[in-house]
Amino acid sequence: MPASPLHAPVLAWYDTAARDLPWRRPGTAPWAVLVSEIMLQQTPVARVLPAWQAWMDRWPTPADLAAAEPGEAVRQWGRLGYPRRALRLHEAATAVVERHGGQVPADHEALLALPGVGSYTAAAVASFAFGGRHAVVDTNVRRVHARAVSGRAEPAATLNAAETRVAHSLVPDDAATAARWAVAVMELGALVCTARVAHCEPCPIRHLCAWRAAGSPPSPLPARRAQTYAGTDRQARGRLLAVLRESPGPVDRAALDAVWDDAPQRRRALAGLVADGLVELLPGSLYRLPAGAGDSTGVARRSLG
């Protein structure tokens, strides 16, 4: 397939404008790339950077993390948000040790088979860590494609077949170029063609952009409502989990009751944490972060009442 006219200007722009992110540096281990991709899901780079560095300092290989209790992964995750990702990373590390001798696999299908690794993450790791030829499609990439190729202000609410075809049609034939294109177009969406503002003047493909040529029509989709956090079950879960992260051992019910006044919501949030495997209930109404499968203390995931 012939090269797209989008390739050269985007790649040239990336060579001079890309952020210096540690997981992009030459020689970065595939495990470090996988950790970064899991952390970056729904989380800004600025928040991920210190968390990623601390994680890699503590567990520089999958075997290091697999040898730790899953609760330690939850503890290390801190306030990064969506803490089930910590458990999935622990499960993925264990699977890498058991199935692949402790080495993150380069094969896309093998990556996709790891716990917590979906189609985007598998393609991203195969591309960014191993230089594979894949269509790597996240929200930033979808927005660039929607504007530059399809002439729309923003992509559809969910990835559809038409968007997927566009993404695959733009992947360069050469694997090395394809890997650079994947990260370059993603960076363009993160820094220039953003959701909040389309910075068209510094955009390297403004003269090729179908949306700009059409007069930058507004999106027909309804405006997205800002997500609230205060007073939600998510906030309650975060408060309860913080108590457990900060404690070196199990805590009693009273310690959890003290951080959230709404008793029905507190019980609901705690039940959800237990159901998600983020918290374990011990005899005597004590709670702790999850221990490994080999733990022998007789944990019982009982009704919270």
Protein backbone atom coordinates (compact mmCIF):
# COMPACT_ATOMS: atom_id res chain seq x y z
CA MET A 1 0.00 0.00 0.00
CA PRO A 2 1.38 3.48 -0.82
CA ALA A 3 2.50 5.68 2.04
CA SER A 4 -0.11 8.09 3.32
CA PRO A 5 0.66 11.81 2.88
CA LEU A 6 0.09 12.05 6.64
CA HIS A 7 3.10 9.90 7.50
CA ALA A 8 6.07 12.14 6.69
CA PRO A 9 4.88 15.36 8.38
CA VAL A 10 3.68 13.57 11.52
CA LEU A 11 6.91 11.59 11.84
CA ALA A 12 9.03 14.69 11.27
CA TRP A 13 7.03 16.60 13.87
CA TYR A 14 7.43 13.75 16.38
CA ASP A 15 11.20 13.74 15.93
CA THR A 16 11.39 17.28 17.31
CA ALA A 17 8.30 17.66 19.53
CA ALA A 18 7.94 14.33 21.37
CA ARG A 19 8.03 14.35 25.15
CA ASP A 20 10.98 12.66 26.83
CA LEU A 21 9.12 9.89 28.64
CA PRO A 22 11.21 7.19 30.33
CA TRP A 23 9.25 4.26 28.92
CA ARG A 24 10.00 5.50 25.39
CA ARG A 25 13.75 5.66 25.77
CA PRO A 26 15.93 3.23 23.79
CA GLY A 27 16.68 0.06 25.68
CA THR A 28 13.59 0.23 27.89
CA ALA A 29 12.54 -3.27 28.91
CA PRO A 30 9.22 -4.59 27.57
CA TRP A 31 8.04 -5.04 31.18
CA ALA A 32 8.53 -1.32 31.78
CA VAL A 33 6.48 -0.55 28.66
CA LEU A 34 3.70 -2.89 29.79
CA VAL A 35 3.58 -1.27 33.23
CA SER A 36 3.39 2.19 31.65
CA GLU A 37 0.54 1.18 29.36
CA ILE A 38 -1.53 -0.24 32.21
CA MET A 39 -0.89 2.84 34.34
CA LEU A 40 -1.73 5.25 31.53
CA GLN A 41 -5.23 3.87 31.09
CA GLN A 42 -7.56 6.75 32.04
CA THR A 43 -4.71 8.47 33.89
CA PRO A 44 -2.67 11.55 32.83
CA VAL A 45 1.04 11.22 32.14
CA ALA A 46 1.92 13.70 34.90
CA ARG A 47 0.37 11.43 37.53
CA VAL A 48 1.82 8.26 36.03
CA LEU A 49 5.46 9.39 35.87
CA PRO A 50 6.30 9.22 39.61
CA ALA A 51 4.14 6.14 40.14
CA TRP A 52 5.80 4.31 37.24
CA GLN A 53 9.29 5.17 38.48
CA ALA A 54 8.52 3.99 42.01
CA TRP A 55 6.97 0.78 40.66
CA MET A 56 9.94 0.00 38.45
CA ASP A 57 12.38 0.74 41.27
CA ARG A 58 10.57 -1.78 43.45
CA TRP A 59 9.73 -4.43 40.84
CA PRO A 60 12.07 -4.08 37.86
CA THR A 61 11.04 -7.46 36.41
CA PRO A 62 7.82 -9.48 36.23
CA ALA A 63 9.37 -12.08 38.54
CA ASP A 64 9.95 -9.44 41.22
CA LEU A 65 6.28 -8.47 41.21
CA ALA A 66 5.01 -12.04 40.95
CA ALA A 67 6.96 -12.93 44.13
CA ALA A 68 5.16 -10.19 46.08
CA GLU A 69 1.69 -10.43 47.59
CA PRO A 70 -1.02 -8.90 45.39
CA GLY A 71 -1.87 -6.61 48.30
CA GLU A 72 1.55 -5.03 47.99
CA ALA A 73 0.74 -4.14 44.39
CA VAL A 74 -2.45 -2.45 45.59
CA ARG A 75 -0.49 -0.64 48.30
CA GLN A 76 2.16 0.56 45.82
CA TRP A 77 -0.53 1.71 43.41
CA GLY A 78 -1.41 4.41 45.91
CA ARG A 79 -3.83 7.07 44.71
CA LEU A 80 -3.35 6.43 41.00
CA GLY A 81 -7.01 5.46 40.62
CA TYR A 82 -8.81 2.36 39.33
CA PRO A 83 -6.77 0.10 41.65
CA ARG A 84 -7.96 -3.12 40.07
CA ARG A 85 -5.28 -2.36 37.49
CA ALA A 86 -2.72 -3.16 40.20
CA LEU A 87 -4.20 -6.62 40.65
CA ARG A 88 -4.28 -7.18 36.89
CA LEU A 89 -0.60 -6.20 36.67
CA HIS A 90 0.23 -8.67 39.42
CA GLU A 91 -1.73 -11.38 37.59
CA ALA A 92 -0.01 -10.49 34.31
CA ALA A 93 3.42 -10.68 35.97
CA THR A 94 2.56 -14.10 37.39
CA ALA A 95 1.39 -15.29 33.96
CA VAL A 96 4.58 -13.98 32.32
CA VAL A 97 6.67 -15.96 34.81
CA GLU A 98 4.60 -19.13 34.50
CA ARG A 99 4.04 -19.10 30.73
CA HIS A 100 7.00 -17.20 29.30
CA GLY A 101 9.94 -17.77 31.61
CA GLY A 102 9.71 -14.29 33.07
CA GLN A 103 10.04 -12.49 29.72
CA VAL A 104 7.19 -10.38 28.36
CA PRO A 105 6.26 -12.02 25.04
CA ALA A 106 6.61 -10.18 21.74
CA ASP A 107 3.78 -12.08 20.08
CA HIS A 108 0.54 -10.09 19.90
CA GLU A 109 -1.69 -13.08 20.66
CA ALA A 110 0.46 -14.10 23.64
CA LEU A 111 0.23 -10.56 24.97
CA LEU A 112 -3.52 -10.52 24.46
CA ALA A 113 -3.79 -13.70 26.54
CA LEU A 114 -2.23 -12.03 29.60
CA PRO A 115 -4.62 -11.00 32.39
CA GLY A 116 -5.72 -7.39 32.11
CA VAL A 117 -4.31 -6.95 28.61
CA GLY A 118 -6.87 -5.93 26.00
CA SER A 119 -6.53 -5.32 22.28
CA TYR A 120 -5.14 -1.79 22.65
CA THR A 121 -2.54 -2.72 25.28
CA ALA A 122 -1.40 -5.81 23.37
CA ALA A 123 -0.91 -3.78 20.19
CA ALA A 124 0.83 -0.96 22.09
CA VAL A 125 3.33 -3.27 23.81
CA ALA A 126 3.98 -5.26 20.63
CA SER A 127 4.62 -2.00 18.79
CA PHE A 128 6.39 0.18 21.36
CA ALA A 129 8.46 -2.54 23.07
CA PHE A 130 9.17 -4.82 20.12
CA GLY A 131 8.80 -2.64 17.02
CA GLY A 132 5.92 -4.68 15.63
CA ARG A 133 3.54 -3.54 12.91
CA HIS A 134 0.16 -2.98 14.54
CA ALA A 135 -2.70 -0.51 14.53
CA VAL A 136 -2.45 1.07 17.98
CA VAL A 137 -5.72 2.90 18.57
CA ASP A 138 -6.37 4.89 21.73
CA THR A 139 -8.58 7.94 22.28
CA ASN A 140 -5.93 10.36 21.04
CA VAL A 141 -5.35 8.38 17.86
CA ARG A 142 -9.08 8.08 17.21
CA ARG A 143 -9.48 11.86 17.51
CA VAL A 144 -6.65 12.57 15.02
CA HIS A 145 -8.11 10.07 12.57
CA ALA A 146 -11.62 11.48 12.98
CA ARG A 147 -10.47 15.02 12.22
CA ALA A 148 -7.69 14.52 9.69
CA VAL A 149 -9.24 11.67 7.70
CA SER A 150 -12.99 11.62 8.33
CA GLY A 151 -13.63 15.34 8.79
CA ARG A 152 -15.37 14.99 12.15
CA ALA A 153 -14.71 16.99 15.29
CA GLU A 154 -14.44 13.87 17.40
CA PRO A 155 -14.74 10.11 17.02
CA ALA A 156 -17.83 8.08 17.78
CA ALA A 157 -18.68 7.24 21.37
CA THR A 158 -17.09 3.81 20.97
CA LEU A 159 -14.61 2.36 18.51
CA ASN A 160 -16.45 1.06 15.47
CA ALA A 161 -15.59 -0.95 12.37
CA ALA A 162 -15.16 2.12 10.15
CA GLU A 163 -12.64 3.68 12.55
CA THR A 164 -10.77 0.40 12.79
CA ARG A 165 -10.50 0.22 9.00
CA VAL A 166 -9.12 3.76 8.87
CA ALA A 167 -6.54 2.94 11.54
CA HIS A 168 -5.37 -0.19 9.72
CA SER A 169 -5.24 1.61 6.37
CA LEU A 170 -2.82 4.17 7.81
CA VAL A 171 -0.30 1.72 9.26
CA PRO A 172 2.94 1.96 7.22
CA ASP A 173 4.13 -1.24 5.57
CA ASP A 174 7.58 -1.16 7.17
CA ALA A 175 7.43 -2.42 10.77
CA ALA A 176 9.94 0.07 12.15
CA THR A 177 8.14 2.98 10.52
CA ALA A 178 4.80 1.60 11.68
CA ALA A 179 6.01 1.53 15.29
CA ARG A 180 7.17 5.15 15.04
CA TRP A 181 3.91 6.16 13.38
CA ALA A 182 1.89 4.54 16.16
CA VAL A 183 3.53 6.59 18.90
CA ALA A 184 3.80 9.74 16.77
CA VAL A 185 0.12 10.02 15.91
CA MET A 186 -0.74 9.27 19.54
CA GLU A 187 1.55 12.10 20.66
CA LEU A 188 -0.02 14.44 18.13
CA GLY A 189 -3.44 13.79 19.67
CA ALA A 190 -2.09 14.24 23.19
CA LEU A 191 -0.26 17.52 22.57
CA VAL A 192 -1.77 19.28 19.54
CA CYS A 193 -5.05 17.79 18.34
CA THR A 194 -6.50 17.64 21.83
CA ALA A 195 -10.05 17.06 22.98
CA ARG A 196 -10.32 20.44 24.67
CA VAL A 197 -8.72 22.55 21.92
CA ALA A 198 -7.56 21.73 18.41
CA HIS A 199 -4.27 23.63 18.10
CA CYS A 200 -4.34 23.83 14.33
CA GLU A 201 -1.57 26.37 13.70
CA PRO A 202 1.30 24.23 15.04
CA CYS A 203 -0.24 21.02 13.64
CA PRO A 204 2.04 19.43 11.02
CA ILE A 205 -0.93 18.12 9.00
CA ARG A 206 -3.23 21.16 9.11
CA HIS A 207 -3.00 21.49 5.30
CA LEU A 208 -4.15 17.85 4.95
CA CYS A 209 -6.87 17.85 7.61
CA ALA A 210 -10.34 17.05 6.29
CA TRP A 211 -12.04 18.62 9.31
CA ARG A 212 -10.19 21.93 8.91
CA ALA A 213 -10.90 21.92 5.15
CA ALA A 214 -14.60 21.55 5.96
CA GLY A 215 -14.50 24.63 8.20
CA SER A 216 -14.04 22.75 11.50
CA PRO A 217 -17.72 21.87 11.98
CA PRO A 218 -18.78 21.23 15.59
CA SER A 219 -19.47 17.76 16.84
CA PRO A 220 -23.06 16.54 16.48
CA LEU A 221 -22.62 14.47 19.63
CA PRO A 222 -24.03 15.82 22.88
CA ALA A 223 -21.49 17.46 25.17
CA ARG A 224 -20.00 15.05 27.64
CA ARG A 225 -20.95 15.70 31.21
CA ALA A 226 -18.08 16.14 33.61
CA GLN A 227 -17.73 13.17 35.95
CA THR A 228 -18.37 13.93 39.59
CA TYR A 229 -16.28 12.35 42.31
CA ALA A 230 -17.22 13.94 45.64
CA GLY A 231 -19.72 11.83 47.52
CA THR A 232 -19.63 8.93 45.06
CA ASP A 233 -19.04 5.25 45.77
CA ARG A 234 -15.66 5.71 44.06
CA GLN A 235 -14.66 8.26 46.66
CA ALA A 236 -15.91 6.05 49.47
CA ARG A 237 -13.93 3.11 48.09
CA GLY A 238 -10.84 5.30 47.85
CA ARG A 239 -11.14 6.41 51.46
CA LEU A 240 -11.58 2.86 52.73
CA LEU A 241 -8.73 1.52 50.61
CA ALA A 242 -6.44 4.32 51.82
CA VAL A 243 -6.89 3.14 55.42
CA LEU A 244 -5.78 -0.35 54.43
CA ARG A 245 -2.86 0.86 52.31
CA GLU A 246 -1.54 2.93 55.18
CA SER A 247 -1.81 0.12 57.72
CA PRO A 248 0.97 -2.48 58.05
CA GLY A 249 -1.57 -5.13 59.08
CA PRO A 250 -5.29 -5.88 59.23
CA VAL A 251 -7.66 -3.18 60.46
CA ASP A 252 -10.95 -3.48 62.31
CA ARG A 253 -14.36 -2.31 61.18
CA ALA A 254 -14.23 0.74 63.44
CA ALA A 255 -11.19 2.13 61.62
CA LEU A 256 -13.08 1.93 58.35
CA ASP A 257 -16.31 3.30 59.81
CA ALA A 258 -14.42 6.40 60.94
CA VAL A 259 -13.53 7.58 57.43
CA TRP A 260 -17.00 7.55 55.82
CA ASP A 261 -20.17 8.66 57.60
CA ASP A 262 -22.83 7.27 55.24
CA ALA A 263 -23.25 3.74 56.64
CA PRO A 264 -25.22 2.19 53.73
CA GLN A 265 -22.82 3.64 51.17
CA ARG A 266 -19.83 2.58 53.26
CA ARG A 267 -21.11 -1.00 53.44
CA ARG A 268 -21.79 -0.99 49.70
CA ALA A 269 -18.32 0.36 48.92
CA LEU A 270 -16.63 -2.14 51.22
CA ALA A 271 -18.61 -5.02 49.74
CA GLY A 272 -17.50 -3.90 46.28
CA LEU A 273 -13.86 -3.82 47.32
CA VAL A 274 -14.13 -7.35 48.69
CA ALA A 275 -15.95 -8.57 45.56
CA ASP A 276 -13.24 -7.03 43.36
CA GLY A 277 -10.49 -8.81 45.28
CA LEU A 278 -8.97 -5.55 46.52
CA VAL A 279 -9.79 -6.26 50.16
CA GLU A 280 -10.01 -9.49 52.16
CA LEU A 281 -12.28 -10.07 55.13
CA LEU A 282 -10.70 -12.03 57.98
CA PRO A 283 -12.34 -13.71 60.96
CA GLY A 284 -13.29 -11.23 63.65
CA SER A 285 -14.39 -8.54 61.18
CA LEU A 286 -10.82 -7.60 60.32
CA TYR A 287 -9.85 -6.38 56.86
CA ARG A 288 -6.60 -6.35 54.91
CA LEU A 289 -5.18 -5.98 51.44
CA PRO A 290 -5.19 -9.28 49.49
CA ALA A 291 -2.59 -11.91 50.30
CA GLY A 292 -1.15 -14.45 47.90
CA ALA A 293 -2.79 -17.74 46.97
CA GLY A 294 -0.41 -19.55 49.27
CA ASP A 295 -1.54 -17.65 52.35
CA SER A 296 -2.66 -19.95 55.17
CA THR A 297 -4.48 -17.61 57.53
CA GLY A 298 -7.91 -18.86 56.57
CA VAL A 299 -9.34 -15.86 54.77
CA ALA A 300 -13.08 -16.02 54.37
CA ARG A 301 -14.86 -13.82 51.85
CA ARG A 302 -18.09 -13.70 53.81
CA SER A 303 -21.13 -11.50 53.66
CA LEU A 304 -20.42 -8.05 55.03
CA GLY A 305 -23.84 -7.74 56.70
